[in-house]
């Protein structure tokens, strides 16, 4: 069974730099249930709940192949 995030889900407008677009797509679509609205090769992916143009933009423009920051450094800690 495939899970889809509820269409009424509200998320502002988030863009995230990711190291691997396929891995990010597997998480945001496969685990969280967002739907792909647009994909630009291995550079950018736009996902949403319920067909909105996009709630989350994921891109590798400045981060392809990047490594996570080591413990004790800056970066996103939590979002809810």
Protein backbone atom coordinates (compact mmCIF):
# COMPACT_ATOMS: atom_id res chain seq x y z
CA UNK A 1 0.00 0.00 0.00
CA UNK A 2 1.26 3.43 -0.96
CA UNK A 3 0.89 6.36 1.44
CA UNK A 4 -0.02 9.86 0.24
CA UNK A 5 0.24 12.84 2.50
CA UNK A 6 -3.24 14.36 3.08
CA UNK A 7 -4.14 17.08 0.51
CA UNK A 8 -5.00 19.57 3.28
CA UNK A 9 -1.47 19.47 4.69
CA UNK A 10 -0.10 22.97 5.18
CA UNK A 11 3.59 23.70 4.92
CA UNK A 12 4.89 27.16 4.16
CA UNK A 13 7.35 27.10 1.31
CA UNK A 14 10.62 25.30 1.98
CA UNK A 15 13.69 24.84 -0.23
CA UNK A 16 16.39 22.44 0.87
CA UNK A 17 19.87 21.83 -0.48
CA UNK A 18 20.48 18.08 -0.73
CA UNK A 19 23.46 15.94 -1.68
CA UNK A 20 21.54 13.27 -3.62
CA UNK A 21 18.22 14.02 -5.31
CA UNK A 22 17.18 10.37 -5.70
CA UNK A 23 17.80 9.68 -2.01
CA UNK A 24 15.85 12.81 -1.05
CA UNK A 25 12.97 11.79 -3.37
CA UNK A 26 12.86 8.33 -1.80
CA UNK A 27 12.42 9.93 1.63
CA UNK A 28 10.02 12.80 0.85
CA UNK A 29 7.86 10.80 -1.58
CA UNK A 30 8.36 7.20 -0.53
CA UNK A 31 8.32 7.68 3.25
CA UNK A 32 6.47 10.96 3.88
CA UNK A 33 4.05 10.60 0.95
CA UNK A 34 4.58 13.86 -0.95
CA UNK A 35 3.82 13.85 -4.69
CA UNK A 36 6.31 14.96 -7.34
CA UNK A 37 5.10 18.08 -9.15
CA UNK A 38 8.21 18.74 -11.24
CA UNK A 39 11.68 17.30 -11.63
CA UNK A 40 14.64 18.82 -13.44
CA UNK A 41 17.02 15.92 -14.02
CA UNK A 42 19.34 15.37 -11.08
CA UNK A 43 19.29 19.07 -10.14
CA UNK A 44 15.88 19.87 -8.64
CA UNK A 45 12.67 18.25 -7.45
CA UNK A 46 9.46 19.98 -6.37
CA UNK A 47 6.98 18.06 -4.22
CA UNK A 48 3.61 18.83 -2.67
CA UNK A 49 0.58 17.53 -0.86
CA UNK A 50 -2.61 17.54 -2.91
CA UNK A 51 -1.30 18.93 -6.19
CA UNK A 52 -0.17 22.39 -5.01
CA UNK A 53 2.64 23.67 -7.28
CA UNK A 54 5.12 22.79 -4.52
CA UNK A 55 5.48 22.84 -0.77
CA UNK A 56 9.07 21.64 -0.74
CA UNK A 57 11.79 22.32 -3.27
CA UNK A 58 14.88 20.10 -3.17
CA UNK A 59 17.98 20.98 -5.16
CA UNK A 60 21.61 19.97 -5.65
CA UNK A 61 22.73 23.27 -7.20
CA UNK A 62 25.40 23.94 -4.56
CA UNK A 63 25.31 20.72 -2.59
CA UNK A 64 25.59 17.68 -4.91
CA UNK A 65 27.65 14.98 -3.24
CA UNK A 66 27.99 17.07 -0.09
CA UNK A 67 28.54 15.46 3.29
CA UNK A 68 26.51 16.13 6.43
CA UNK A 69 28.06 18.64 8.83
CA UNK A 70 30.00 17.05 11.68
CA UNK A 71 28.46 17.05 15.17
CA UNK A 72 28.68 20.44 16.86
CA UNK A 73 28.34 22.46 13.61
CA UNK A 74 25.51 24.54 12.21
CA UNK A 75 22.66 23.14 10.15
CA UNK A 76 18.99 22.28 10.40
CA UNK A 77 18.27 20.60 13.70
CA UNK A 78 14.50 20.25 13.64
CA UNK A 79 11.40 21.33 11.80
CA UNK A 80 7.80 20.53 12.64
